[in-house]
């Protein structure tokens, strides 16, 4: 097994909507792959979003066959975040935490 590279994510992301009136299109979605992976796509909606993510992956091996490159990677991610409305404070206790690991080609 050859451990090659880790891929750190940027700092936590926070978005906030400053509109006085809101409709469904003004809400920020959260949920789905690499945006709280344990939840369904856009399962959470809110005026404010906080998301922190730590990811790492490593190449296990690579194979070149007649110009076809096959690579096998393994990795893990840890995600924490939630959506909030104006009157809800953003705290660490109110965040959803998701961790996952796996392999991909």
N, C-alpha and C. Protein backbone atom coordinates (compact mmCIF):
# COMPACT_ATOMS: atom_id res chain seq x y z
N UNK A 1 0.85 -1.17 0.00
CA UNK A 1 0.00 0.00 0.00
C UNK A 1 0.89 1.24 0.00
N UNK A 2 0.60 2.13 -0.89
CA UNK A 2 1.38 3.34 -1.04
C UNK A 2 0.52 4.55 -0.67
N UNK A 3 0.88 5.23 0.39
CA UNK A 3 0.15 6.42 0.80
C UNK A 3 0.80 7.62 0.15
N UNK A 4 0.03 8.34 -0.64
CA UNK A 4 0.62 9.41 -1.44
C UNK A 4 0.28 10.80 -0.97
N UNK A 5 -1.01 11.12 -0.89
CA UNK A 5 -1.35 12.53 -0.77
C UNK A 5 -2.63 12.70 0.04
N UNK A 6 -2.67 13.73 0.82
CA UNK A 6 -3.88 14.12 1.54
C UNK A 6 -4.39 15.42 0.92
N UNK A 7 -5.68 15.59 0.92
CA UNK A 7 -6.31 16.75 0.29
C UNK A 7 -7.07 17.54 1.36
N UNK A 8 -6.44 18.54 1.97
CA UNK A 8 -7.15 19.32 2.98
C UNK A 8 -8.14 20.28 2.33
N UNK A 9 -9.24 20.50 2.98
CA UNK A 9 -10.26 21.43 2.51
C UNK A 9 -9.99 22.82 3.08
N UNK A 10 -10.52 23.85 2.44
CA UNK A 10 -10.35 25.20 2.98
C UNK A 10 -11.08 25.36 4.32
N UNK A 11 -10.96 26.53 4.90
CA UNK A 11 -11.58 26.83 6.19
C UNK A 11 -13.09 26.60 6.13
N UNK A 12 -13.75 26.51 7.29
CA UNK A 12 -15.20 26.31 7.31
C UNK A 12 -15.92 27.38 6.50
N UNK A 13 -17.04 27.00 5.95
CA UNK A 13 -17.83 27.91 5.12
C UNK A 13 -19.07 28.35 5.87
N UNK A 14 -19.37 29.62 5.80
CA UNK A 14 -20.58 30.16 6.42
C UNK A 14 -21.23 31.08 5.39
N UNK A 15 -22.53 30.91 5.20
CA UNK A 15 -23.29 31.78 4.30
C UNK A 15 -24.48 32.33 5.06
N UNK A 16 -24.84 33.56 4.74
CA UNK A 16 -25.97 34.18 5.42
C UNK A 16 -26.76 35.00 4.42
N UNK A 17 -28.08 34.97 4.53
CA UNK A 17 -28.97 35.72 3.66
C UNK A 17 -29.42 36.98 4.40
N UNK A 18 -29.23 38.14 3.78
CA UNK A 18 -29.57 39.41 4.42
C UNK A 18 -30.87 40.02 3.90
N UNK A 19 -31.65 39.26 3.14
CA UNK A 19 -32.92 39.75 2.60
C UNK A 19 -33.94 39.90 3.72
N UNK A 20 -34.83 40.92 3.61
CA UNK A 20 -35.89 41.10 4.61
C UNK A 20 -37.01 40.08 4.45
N UNK A 21 -37.37 39.80 3.21
CA UNK A 21 -38.41 38.80 2.96
C UNK A 21 -37.77 37.59 2.30
N UNK A 22 -38.24 36.42 2.64
CA UNK A 22 -37.66 35.19 2.12
C UNK A 22 -38.71 34.35 1.43
N UNK A 23 -38.31 33.70 0.36
CA UNK A 23 -39.12 32.63 -0.21
C UNK A 23 -38.21 31.41 -0.35
N UNK A 24 -38.70 30.35 -0.89
CA UNK A 24 -37.95 29.10 -0.94
C UNK A 24 -36.64 29.24 -1.71
N UNK A 25 -36.60 30.10 -2.72
CA UNK A 25 -35.38 30.26 -3.52
C UNK A 25 -34.29 31.03 -2.77
N UNK A 26 -34.65 31.73 -1.70
CA UNK A 26 -33.67 32.49 -0.91
C UNK A 26 -32.99 31.65 0.17
N UNK A 27 -33.44 30.42 0.37
CA UNK A 27 -32.87 29.57 1.41
C UNK A 27 -31.68 28.79 0.86
N UNK A 28 -30.69 28.56 1.71
CA UNK A 28 -29.50 27.80 1.33
C UNK A 28 -29.72 26.32 1.63
N UNK A 29 -29.42 25.43 0.67
CA UNK A 29 -29.58 23.99 0.91
C UNK A 29 -28.30 23.39 1.49
N UNK A 30 -28.47 22.31 2.21
CA UNK A 30 -27.35 21.55 2.76
C UNK A 30 -27.76 20.09 2.80
N UNK A 31 -26.85 19.21 2.45
CA UNK A 31 -27.12 17.78 2.43
C UNK A 31 -26.69 17.19 1.10
N UNK A 32 -26.27 15.95 1.13
CA UNK A 32 -25.81 15.28 -0.08
C UNK A 32 -24.31 15.03 -0.01
N UNK A 33 -23.76 14.51 -1.07
CA UNK A 33 -22.37 14.10 -1.11
C UNK A 33 -21.43 15.26 -0.82
N UNK A 34 -20.59 15.11 0.20
CA UNK A 34 -19.60 16.08 0.68
C UNK A 34 -20.21 17.37 1.22
N UNK A 35 -21.50 17.38 1.47
CA UNK A 35 -22.19 18.51 2.12
C UNK A 35 -23.12 17.92 3.18
N UNK A 36 -22.56 17.22 4.13
CA UNK A 36 -23.21 16.36 5.12
C UNK A 36 -23.71 15.10 4.41
N UNK A 37 -22.79 14.23 4.09
CA UNK A 37 -23.03 13.05 3.25
C UNK A 37 -24.07 12.09 3.79
N UNK A 38 -24.31 12.07 5.08
CA UNK A 38 -25.30 11.16 5.65
C UNK A 38 -26.74 11.59 5.39
N UNK A 39 -26.93 12.80 4.89
CA UNK A 39 -28.26 13.33 4.61
C UNK A 39 -28.55 13.27 3.12
N UNK A 40 -29.83 13.34 2.78
CA UNK A 40 -30.22 13.37 1.37
C UNK A 40 -29.88 14.71 0.73
N UNK A 41 -29.89 14.72 -0.59
CA UNK A 41 -29.58 15.94 -1.35
C UNK A 41 -30.52 17.06 -0.94
N UNK A 42 -29.97 18.19 -0.49
CA UNK A 42 -30.71 19.39 -0.10
C UNK A 42 -31.77 19.09 0.97
N UNK A 43 -31.45 18.19 1.90
CA UNK A 43 -32.41 17.82 2.95
C UNK A 43 -32.64 18.95 3.95
N UNK A 44 -31.65 19.77 4.19
CA UNK A 44 -31.78 20.88 5.13
C UNK A 44 -31.83 22.20 4.36
N UNK A 45 -32.69 23.11 4.78
CA UNK A 45 -32.79 24.45 4.19
C UNK A 45 -32.78 25.47 5.31
N UNK A 46 -32.14 26.61 5.10
CA UNK A 46 -32.12 27.66 6.11
C UNK A 46 -31.60 28.97 5.56
N UNK A 47 -31.79 30.03 6.34
CA UNK A 47 -31.29 31.35 5.97
C UNK A 47 -29.78 31.44 6.10
N UNK A 48 -29.22 30.66 7.03
CA UNK A 48 -27.78 30.64 7.25
C UNK A 48 -27.29 29.20 7.22
N UNK A 49 -26.08 29.02 6.72
CA UNK A 49 -25.47 27.69 6.62
C UNK A 49 -24.07 27.75 7.20
N UNK A 50 -23.72 26.75 7.99
CA UNK A 50 -22.35 26.59 8.48
C UNK A 50 -21.92 25.17 8.13
N UNK A 51 -20.73 25.03 7.52
CA UNK A 51 -20.24 23.72 7.11
C UNK A 51 -18.73 23.68 7.28
N UNK A 52 -18.24 22.68 8.00
CA UNK A 52 -16.80 22.44 8.14
C UNK A 52 -16.55 21.02 7.64
N UNK A 53 -15.46 20.85 6.89
CA UNK A 53 -15.20 19.55 6.27
C UNK A 53 -13.71 19.27 6.29
N UNK A 54 -13.37 18.05 6.66
CA UNK A 54 -11.99 17.59 6.62
C UNK A 54 -11.97 16.32 5.78
N UNK A 55 -11.18 16.33 4.71
CA UNK A 55 -11.11 15.18 3.81
C UNK A 55 -9.65 14.80 3.56
N UNK A 56 -9.44 13.52 3.37
CA UNK A 56 -8.11 13.03 2.98
C UNK A 56 -8.30 11.82 2.09
N UNK A 57 -7.45 11.69 1.08
CA UNK A 57 -7.47 10.49 0.25
C UNK A 57 -6.05 10.11 -0.14
N UNK A 58 -5.87 8.83 -0.40
CA UNK A 58 -4.56 8.30 -0.75
C UNK A 58 -4.71 7.34 -1.92
N UNK A 59 -3.74 7.36 -2.80
CA UNK A 59 -3.73 6.42 -3.92
C UNK A 59 -3.13 5.11 -3.44
N UNK A 60 -3.88 4.03 -3.57
CA UNK A 60 -3.39 2.72 -3.17
C UNK A 60 -2.47 2.12 -4.23
N UNK A 61 -2.91 2.18 -5.49
CA UNK A 61 -2.05 1.72 -6.58
C UNK A 61 -2.57 2.27 -7.90
N UNK A 62 -1.70 2.23 -8.89
CA UNK A 62 -2.05 2.64 -10.24
C UNK A 62 -1.61 1.59 -11.23
N UNK A 63 -2.34 1.45 -12.31
CA UNK A 63 -2.05 0.44 -13.32
C UNK A 63 -2.25 1.07 -14.69
N UNK A 64 -1.26 0.92 -15.57
CA UNK A 64 -1.36 1.43 -16.94
C UNK A 64 -1.42 0.24 -17.89
N UNK A 65 -2.54 0.11 -18.60
CA UNK A 65 -2.72 -0.99 -19.56
C UNK A 65 -3.05 -0.40 -20.93
N UNK A 66 -2.09 -0.44 -21.83
CA UNK A 66 -2.30 -0.01 -23.22
C UNK A 66 -2.97 1.37 -23.29
N UNK A 67 -2.46 2.31 -22.54
CA UNK A 67 -3.00 3.66 -22.56
C UNK A 67 -4.17 3.88 -21.63
N UNK A 68 -4.69 2.84 -21.01
CA UNK A 68 -5.79 2.97 -20.06
C UNK A 68 -5.21 3.05 -18.65
N UNK A 69 -5.48 4.13 -17.96
CA UNK A 69 -4.95 4.31 -16.61
C UNK A 69 -6.03 3.96 -15.59
N UNK A 70 -5.69 3.06 -14.69
CA UNK A 70 -6.60 2.65 -13.62
C UNK A 70 -5.94 3.02 -12.29
N UNK A 71 -6.64 3.75 -11.46
CA UNK A 71 -6.13 4.16 -10.16
C UNK A 71 -7.14 3.75 -9.09
N UNK A 72 -6.65 3.28 -7.96
CA UNK A 72 -7.51 2.93 -6.84
C UNK A 72 -7.14 3.82 -5.66
N UNK A 73 -8.13 4.52 -5.13
CA UNK A 73 -7.94 5.46 -4.02
C UNK A 73 -8.76 5.01 -2.82
N UNK A 74 -8.31 5.39 -1.66
CA UNK A 74 -9.10 5.24 -0.45
C UNK A 74 -9.06 6.57 0.29
N UNK A 75 -10.06 6.82 1.10
CA UNK A 75 -10.09 8.10 1.79
C UNK A 75 -11.11 8.13 2.90
N UNK A 76 -11.18 9.28 3.53
CA UNK A 76 -12.14 9.49 4.60
C UNK A 76 -12.52 10.95 4.64
N UNK A 77 -13.68 11.21 5.23
CA UNK A 77 -14.10 12.60 5.42
C UNK A 77 -14.86 12.71 6.73
N UNK A 78 -14.77 13.88 7.33
CA UNK A 78 -15.51 14.21 8.52
C UNK A 78 -16.16 15.57 8.25
N UNK A 79 -17.47 15.63 8.38
CA UNK A 79 -18.22 16.84 8.06
C UNK A 79 -19.09 17.24 9.25
N UNK A 80 -19.18 18.52 9.50
CA UNK A 80 -20.06 19.04 10.55
C UNK A 80 -20.70 20.32 10.04
N UNK A 81 -21.98 20.48 10.30
CA UNK A 81 -22.67 21.69 9.86
C UNK A 81 -24.16 21.59 10.10
N UNK A 82 -24.85 22.66 9.75
CA UNK A 82 -26.30 22.70 9.89
C UNK A 82 -26.80 23.96 9.18
N UNK A 83 -28.10 24.05 9.04
CA UNK A 83 -28.73 25.28 8.54
C UNK A 83 -29.47 25.92 9.70
N UNK A 84 -29.59 27.23 9.65
CA UNK A 84 -30.19 27.97 10.76
C UNK A 84 -31.08 29.06 10.21
N UNK A 85 -32.05 29.44 11.01
CA UNK A 85 -32.87 30.60 10.70
C UNK A 85 -32.43 31.77 11.57
N UNK A 86 -32.92 32.95 11.27
CA UNK A 86 -32.41 34.19 11.86
C UNK A 86 -32.37 34.16 13.39
N UNK A 87 -33.37 33.58 14.02
CA UNK A 87 -33.43 33.62 15.48
C UNK A 87 -32.72 32.45 16.15
N UNK A 88 -32.06 31.59 15.39
CA UNK A 88 -31.36 30.44 15.95
C UNK A 88 -29.86 30.71 16.00
N UNK A 89 -29.24 30.61 17.18
CA UNK A 89 -27.79 30.84 17.26
C UNK A 89 -27.00 29.67 16.65
N UNK A 90 -25.87 29.98 16.04
CA UNK A 90 -24.99 28.94 15.49
C UNK A 90 -24.05 28.50 16.60
N UNK A 91 -24.18 27.26 17.03
CA UNK A 91 -23.32 26.71 18.08
C UNK A 91 -22.79 25.35 17.65
N UNK A 92 -21.70 24.92 18.27
CA UNK A 92 -21.13 23.60 17.97
C UNK A 92 -22.09 22.49 18.38
N UNK A 93 -22.86 22.69 19.44
CA UNK A 93 -23.80 21.66 19.91
C UNK A 93 -24.95 21.44 18.94
N UNK A 94 -25.28 22.44 18.13
CA UNK A 94 -26.41 22.32 17.22
C UNK A 94 -26.02 21.76 15.85
N UNK A 95 -24.76 21.43 15.64
CA UNK A 95 -24.34 20.96 14.32
C UNK A 95 -24.55 19.45 14.18
N UNK A 96 -24.74 19.01 12.94
CA UNK A 96 -24.82 17.60 12.60
C UNK A 96 -23.41 17.16 12.21
N UNK A 97 -22.98 16.00 12.68
CA UNK A 97 -21.63 15.51 12.37
C UNK A 97 -21.75 14.21 11.60
N UNK A 98 -20.98 14.11 10.50
CA UNK A 98 -21.01 12.92 9.64
C UNK A 98 -19.58 12.52 9.33
N UNK A 99 -19.30 11.25 9.41
CA UNK A 99 -17.99 10.72 9.00
C UNK A 99 -18.19 9.57 8.05
N UNK A 100 -17.30 9.43 7.08
CA UNK A 100 -17.41 8.31 6.15
C UNK A 100 -16.03 7.95 5.63
N UNK A 101 -15.90 6.74 5.17
CA UNK A 101 -14.66 6.30 4.54
C UNK A 101 -15.02 5.38 3.39
N UNK A 102 -14.11 5.21 2.46
CA UNK A 102 -14.40 4.34 1.34
C UNK A 102 -13.28 4.33 0.33
N UNK A 103 -13.51 3.57 -0.73
CA UNK A 103 -12.56 3.45 -1.82
C UNK A 103 -13.24 3.80 -3.12
N UNK A 104 -12.47 4.31 -4.07
CA UNK A 104 -13.03 4.68 -5.37
C UNK A 104 -11.97 4.50 -6.45
N UNK A 105 -12.44 4.33 -7.68
CA UNK A 105 -11.54 4.24 -8.82
C UNK A 105 -11.75 5.42 -9.71
